[in-house]
Amino acid sequence: MDSELIFTLVNAFVLPFWLLLLVVPFSKVTRVLVHSGVVPVILGLVYVAFIVISMTGDAPEGAGMQSLAGLQAAFTDPRALIGAWVHYLVFDLFVGAWMIRDAKRHDIPHLAVVLPAILTFVLGPFGLLLYLGLRAIWKKRFTLEEVASE
């Protein structure tokens, strides 16, 4: 299958699940597909497939993860680059879903989390940092505790 088509398909695949998180974050379908981990697992399997395929095929000259030049060479292989991109998609969705659940646990209004979630989808860590700042202001302290504490 064409690498450009695969790239387009994985990008399109993740969009509905981000929309569910943003619009109906705790509906039954969102809970089943996103919060339960079904979609991150599916994307994770796609990631594993592309990484294995890229590692078992003919690697570009000098490819490796020990140096920036080696990583740059590895990413000249579209299969490795798609694997890396799916890595971002999986982790960003996982972090976005965690933020939505965490905000609910800490009684942070969903609307306050929409912008950080969108930024997590687009810019990953930037959205997470914005959410963590919002959370620290909301809770009047910085912590990553999973349960709301008194």
C-alpha atoms as a PDB file:
ATOM      1  CA  MET A   1       0.000   0.000   0.000  1.00  0.00           C
ATOM      2  CA  ASP A   2       1.192   3.523  -0.794  1.00  0.00           C
ATOM      3  CA  SER A   3       2.865   5.302   2.156  1.00  0.00           C
ATOM      4  CA  GLU A   4       1.036   8.565   1.461  1.00  0.00           C
ATOM      5  CA  LEU A   5      -2.312   6.752   1.548  1.00  0.00           C
ATOM      6  CA  ILE A   6      -1.428   5.028   4.832  1.00  0.00           C
ATOM      7  CA  PHE A   7      -0.410   8.383   6.320  1.00  0.00           C
ATOM      8  CA  THR A   8      -3.743   9.890   5.239  1.00  0.00           C
ATOM      9  CA  LEU A   9      -5.699   6.914   6.622  1.00  0.00           C
ATOM     10  CA  VAL A  10      -4.086   6.934  10.072  1.00  0.00           C
ATOM     11  CA  ASN A  11      -4.642  10.687  10.346  1.00  0.00           C
ATOM     12  CA  ALA A  12      -8.282  10.315   9.335  1.00  0.00           C
ATOM     13  CA  PHE A  13      -8.728   7.330  11.665  1.00  0.00           C
ATOM     14  CA  VAL A  14      -7.852   9.283  14.805  1.00  0.00           C
ATOM     15  CA  LEU A  15     -10.029  12.363  14.122  1.00  0.00           C
ATOM     16  CA  PRO A  16     -13.434  10.928  15.138  1.00  0.00           C
ATOM     17  CA  PHE A  17     -12.041   9.838  18.496  1.00  0.00           C
ATOM     18  CA  TRP A  18     -10.685  13.301  19.242  1.00  0.00           C
ATOM     19  CA  LEU A  19     -14.094  14.714  18.312  1.00  0.00           C
ATOM     20  CA  LEU A  20     -15.742  12.287  20.735  1.00  0.00           C
ATOM     21  CA  LEU A  21     -13.370  13.429  23.505  1.00  0.00           C
ATOM     22  CA  LEU A  22     -14.103  17.081  22.795  1.00  0.00           C
ATOM     23  CA  VAL A  23     -17.865  16.921  22.210  1.00  0.00           C
ATOM     24  CA  VAL A  24     -19.181  13.955  24.205  1.00  0.00           C
ATOM     25  CA  PRO A  25     -16.290  13.043  26.505  1.00  0.00           C
ATOM     26  CA  PHE A  26     -18.178  10.575  28.699  1.00  0.00           C
ATOM     27  CA  SER A  27     -20.741   9.112  26.330  1.00  0.00           C
ATOM     28  CA  LYS A  28     -20.966   5.358  26.145  1.00  0.00           C
ATOM     29  CA  VAL A  29     -19.263   5.235  22.747  1.00  0.00           C
ATOM     30  CA  THR A  30     -16.383   7.456  23.969  1.00  0.00           C
ATOM     31  CA  ARG A  31     -15.955   5.311  27.062  1.00  0.00           C
ATOM     32  CA  VAL A  32     -15.918   2.109  25.020  1.00  0.00           C
ATOM     33  CA  LEU A  33     -13.641   3.301  22.226  1.00  0.00           C
ATOM     34  CA  VAL A  34     -11.316   5.853  23.779  1.00  0.00           C
ATOM     35  CA  HIS A  35     -11.309   5.654  27.575  1.00  0.00           C
ATOM     36  CA  SER A  36     -11.212   1.858  27.601  1.00  0.00           C
ATOM     37  CA  GLY A  37      -8.121   1.923  25.436  1.00  0.00           C
ATOM     38  CA  VAL A  38      -9.578   0.193  22.355  1.00  0.00           C
ATOM     39  CA  VAL A  39      -8.469   2.881  19.903  1.00  0.00           C
ATOM     40  CA  PRO A  40      -5.022   3.412  21.473  1.00  0.00           C
ATOM     41  CA  VAL A  41      -4.492  -0.370  21.314  1.00  0.00           C
ATOM     42  CA  ILE A  42      -5.497  -0.457  17.629  1.00  0.00           C
ATOM     43  CA  LEU A  43      -3.143   2.425  16.860  1.00  0.00           C
ATOM     44  CA  GLY A  44      -0.468   0.775  18.996  1.00  0.00           C
ATOM     45  CA  LEU A  45      -0.718  -2.368  16.897  1.00  0.00           C
ATOM     46  CA  VAL A  46      -0.378  -0.296  13.720  1.00  0.00           C
ATOM     47  CA  TYR A  47       2.705   1.314  15.270  1.00  0.00           C
ATOM     48  CA  VAL A  48       4.244  -2.053  16.160  1.00  0.00           C
ATOM     49  CA  ALA A  49       3.560  -3.361  12.654  1.00  0.00           C
ATOM     50  CA  PHE A  50       5.282  -0.422  10.976  1.00  0.00           C
ATOM     51  CA  ILE A  51       8.242  -0.427  13.335  1.00  0.00           C
ATOM     52  CA  VAL A  52       8.751  -4.184  12.857  1.00  0.00           C
ATOM     53  CA  ILE A  53       8.384  -3.839   9.077  1.00  0.00           C
ATOM     54  CA  SER A  54      10.868  -0.968   8.991  1.00  0.00           C
ATOM     55  CA  MET A  55      13.351  -2.841  11.202  1.00  0.00           C
ATOM     56  CA  THR A  56      13.176  -6.079   9.220  1.00  0.00           C
ATOM     57  CA  GLY A  57      13.418  -4.452   5.812  1.00  0.00           C
ATOM     58  CA  ASP A  58      16.409  -2.872   4.178  1.00  0.00           C
ATOM     59  CA  ALA A  59      17.384  -0.054   6.512  1.00  0.00           C
ATOM     60  CA  PRO A  60      18.767   3.118   4.989  1.00  0.00           C
ATOM     61  CA  GLU A  61      22.541   3.522   5.199  1.00  0.00           C
ATOM     62  CA  GLY A  62      23.565   4.780   8.661  1.00  0.00           C
ATOM     63  CA  ALA A  63      20.076   4.402  10.155  1.00  0.00           C
ATOM     64  CA  GLY A  64      19.899   4.015  13.911  1.00  0.00           C
ATOM     65  CA  MET A  65      18.779   5.613  17.151  1.00  0.00           C
ATOM     66  CA  GLN A  66      22.210   6.307  18.638  1.00  0.00           C
ATOM     67  CA  SER A  67      22.674   9.716  17.003  1.00  0.00           C
ATOM     68  CA  LEU A  68      20.657  12.470  15.418  1.00  0.00           C
ATOM     69  CA  ALA A  69      22.211  11.647  12.032  1.00  0.00           C
ATOM     70  CA  GLY A  70      21.257   7.986  12.459  1.00  0.00           C
ATOM     71  CA  LEU A  71      17.699   8.883  13.382  1.00  0.00           C
ATOM     72  CA  GLN A  72      17.471  11.254  10.455  1.00  0.00           C
ATOM     73  CA  ALA A  73      18.659   8.473   8.151  1.00  0.00           C
ATOM     74  CA  ALA A  74      16.141   6.026   9.673  1.00  0.00           C
ATOM     75  CA  PHE A  75      13.295   8.446   9.000  1.00  0.00           C
ATOM     76  CA  THR A  76      14.117   8.588   5.305  1.00  0.00           C
ATOM     77  CA  ASP A  77      12.324   5.220   5.211  1.00  0.00           C
ATOM     78  CA  PRO A  78       8.593   6.045   4.889  1.00  0.00           C
ATOM     79  CA  ARG A  79       7.689   2.932   6.908  1.00  0.00           C
ATOM     80  CA  ALA A  80       9.752   4.130   9.876  1.00  0.00           C
ATOM     81  CA  LEU A  81       8.361   7.649   9.535  1.00  0.00           C
ATOM     82  CA  ILE A  82       4.769   6.369   9.495  1.00  0.00           C
ATOM     83  CA  GLY A  83       5.555   4.256  12.567  1.00  0.00           C
ATOM     84  CA  ALA A  84       6.953   7.332  14.314  1.00  0.00           C
ATOM     85  CA  TRP A  85       3.919   9.398  13.325  1.00  0.00           C
ATOM     86  CA  VAL A  86       1.520   6.750  14.646  1.00  0.00           C
ATOM     87  CA  HIS A  87       3.592   6.829  17.858  1.00  0.00           C
ATOM     88  CA  TYR A  88       2.646  10.516  18.178  1.00  0.00           C
ATOM     89  CA  LEU A  89      -1.001   9.810  17.361  1.00  0.00           C
ATOM     90  CA  VAL A  90      -1.249   7.049  19.987  1.00  0.00           C
ATOM     91  CA  PHE A  91       0.422   8.994  22.761  1.00  0.00           C
ATOM     92  CA  ASP A  92      -1.383  12.273  22.031  1.00  0.00           C
ATOM     93  CA  LEU A  93      -4.769  10.534  22.090  1.00  0.00           C
ATOM     94  CA  PHE A  94      -3.848   8.671  25.277  1.00  0.00           C
ATOM     95  CA  VAL A  95      -2.728  11.901  26.959  1.00  0.00           C
ATOM     96  CA  GLY A  96      -5.816  13.750  25.720  1.00  0.00           C
ATOM     97  CA  ALA A  97      -8.117  11.074  27.126  1.00  0.00           C
ATOM     98  CA  TRP A  98      -6.221  11.141  30.433  1.00  0.00           C
ATOM     99  CA  MET A  99      -6.588  14.933  30.605  1.00  0.00           C
ATOM    100  CA  ILE A 100     -10.353  14.699  30.042  1.00  0.00           C
ATOM    101  CA  ARG A 101     -10.739  12.033  32.763  1.00  0.00           C
ATOM    102  CA  ASP A 102      -8.377  13.828  35.114  1.00  0.00           C
ATOM    103  CA  ALA A 103     -10.255  17.103  34.750  1.00  0.00           C
ATOM    104  CA  LYS A 104     -13.483  15.329  35.648  1.00  0.00           C
ATOM    105  CA  ARG A 105     -11.852  13.763  38.729  1.00  0.00           C
ATOM    106  CA  HIS A 106     -10.716  17.209  39.842  1.00  0.00           C
ATOM    107  CA  ASP A 107     -14.003  18.986  39.006  1.00  0.00           C
ATOM    108  CA  ILE A 108     -12.429  21.114  36.292  1.00  0.00           C
ATOM    109  CA  PRO A 109     -15.151  22.104  33.798  1.00  0.00           C
ATOM    110  CA  HIS A 110     -14.896  20.309  30.476  1.00  0.00           C
ATOM    111  CA  LEU A 111     -14.958  23.568  28.515  1.00  0.00           C
ATOM    112  CA  ALA A 112     -11.771  24.634  30.309  1.00  0.00           C
ATOM    113  CA  VAL A 113     -10.022  21.512  28.998  1.00  0.00           C
ATOM    114  CA  VAL A 114     -11.109  21.811  25.363  1.00  0.00           C
ATOM    115  CA  LEU A 115      -8.283  24.165  24.311  1.00  0.00           C
ATOM    116  CA  PRO A 116      -5.537  22.136  26.050  1.00  0.00           C
ATOM    117  CA  ALA A 117      -6.989  18.970  24.473  1.00  0.00           C
ATOM    118  CA  ILE A 118      -7.000  20.503  20.988  1.00  0.00           C
ATOM    119  CA  LEU A 119      -3.432  21.696  21.505  1.00  0.00           C
ATOM    120  CA  THR A 120      -2.470  18.201  22.677  1.00  0.00           C
ATOM    121  CA  PHE A 121      -3.881  16.812  19.448  1.00  0.00           C
ATOM    122  CA  VAL A 122      -1.977  19.354  17.360  1.00  0.00           C
ATOM    123  CA  LEU A 123       1.145  20.085  19.430  1.00  0.00           C
ATOM    124  CA  GLY A 124       1.352  17.232  21.969  1.00  0.00           C
ATOM    125  CA  PRO A 125       3.369  18.387  24.970  1.00  0.00           C
ATOM    126  CA  PHE A 126       2.300  22.025  24.552  1.00  0.00           C
ATOM    127  CA  GLY A 127      -1.323  21.058  25.251  1.00  0.00           C
ATOM    128  CA  LEU A 128      -0.302  18.861  28.156  1.00  0.00           C
ATOM    129  CA  LEU A 129       1.732  21.709  29.684  1.00  0.00           C
ATOM    130  CA  LEU A 130      -1.213  24.069  29.284  1.00  0.00           C
ATOM    131  CA  TYR A 131      -3.508  21.551  30.974  1.00  0.00           C
ATOM    132  CA  LEU A 132      -1.056  20.955  33.828  1.00  0.00           C
ATOM    133  CA  GLY A 133      -0.826  24.714  34.359  1.00  0.00           C
ATOM    134  CA  LEU A 134      -4.613  25.013  34.335  1.00  0.00           C
ATOM    135  CA  ARG A 135      -4.873  22.109  36.753  1.00  0.00           C
ATOM    136  CA  ALA A 136      -2.292  23.644  39.105  1.00  0.00           C
ATOM    137  CA  ILE A 137      -4.185  26.957  39.121  1.00  0.00           C
ATOM    138  CA  TRP A 138      -7.538  25.214  39.578  1.00  0.00           C
ATOM    139  CA  LYS A 139      -6.283  23.028  42.439  1.00  0.00           C
ATOM    140  CA  LYS A 140      -4.019  25.793  43.838  1.00  0.00           C
ATOM    141  CA  ARG A 141      -1.072  23.388  43.870  1.00  0.00           C
ATOM    142  CA  PHE A 142       0.934  21.338  41.426  1.00  0.00           C
ATOM    143  CA  THR A 143       0.594  17.591  41.696  1.00  0.00           C
ATOM    144  CA  LEU A 144       0.047  14.661  39.377  1.00  0.00           C
ATOM    145  CA  GLU A 145      -2.056  12.660  41.836  1.00  0.00           C
ATOM    146  CA  GLU A 146      -4.624  10.545  40.053  1.00  0.00           C
ATOM    147  CA  VAL A 147      -7.396  10.974  42.621  1.00  0.00           C
ATOM    148  CA  ALA A 148      -8.802  14.243  43.821  1.00  0.00           C
ATOM    149  CA  SER A 149      -7.595  14.891  47.333  1.00  0.00           C
ATOM    150  CA  GLU A 150      -9.029  17.189  49.925  1.00  0.00           C
END
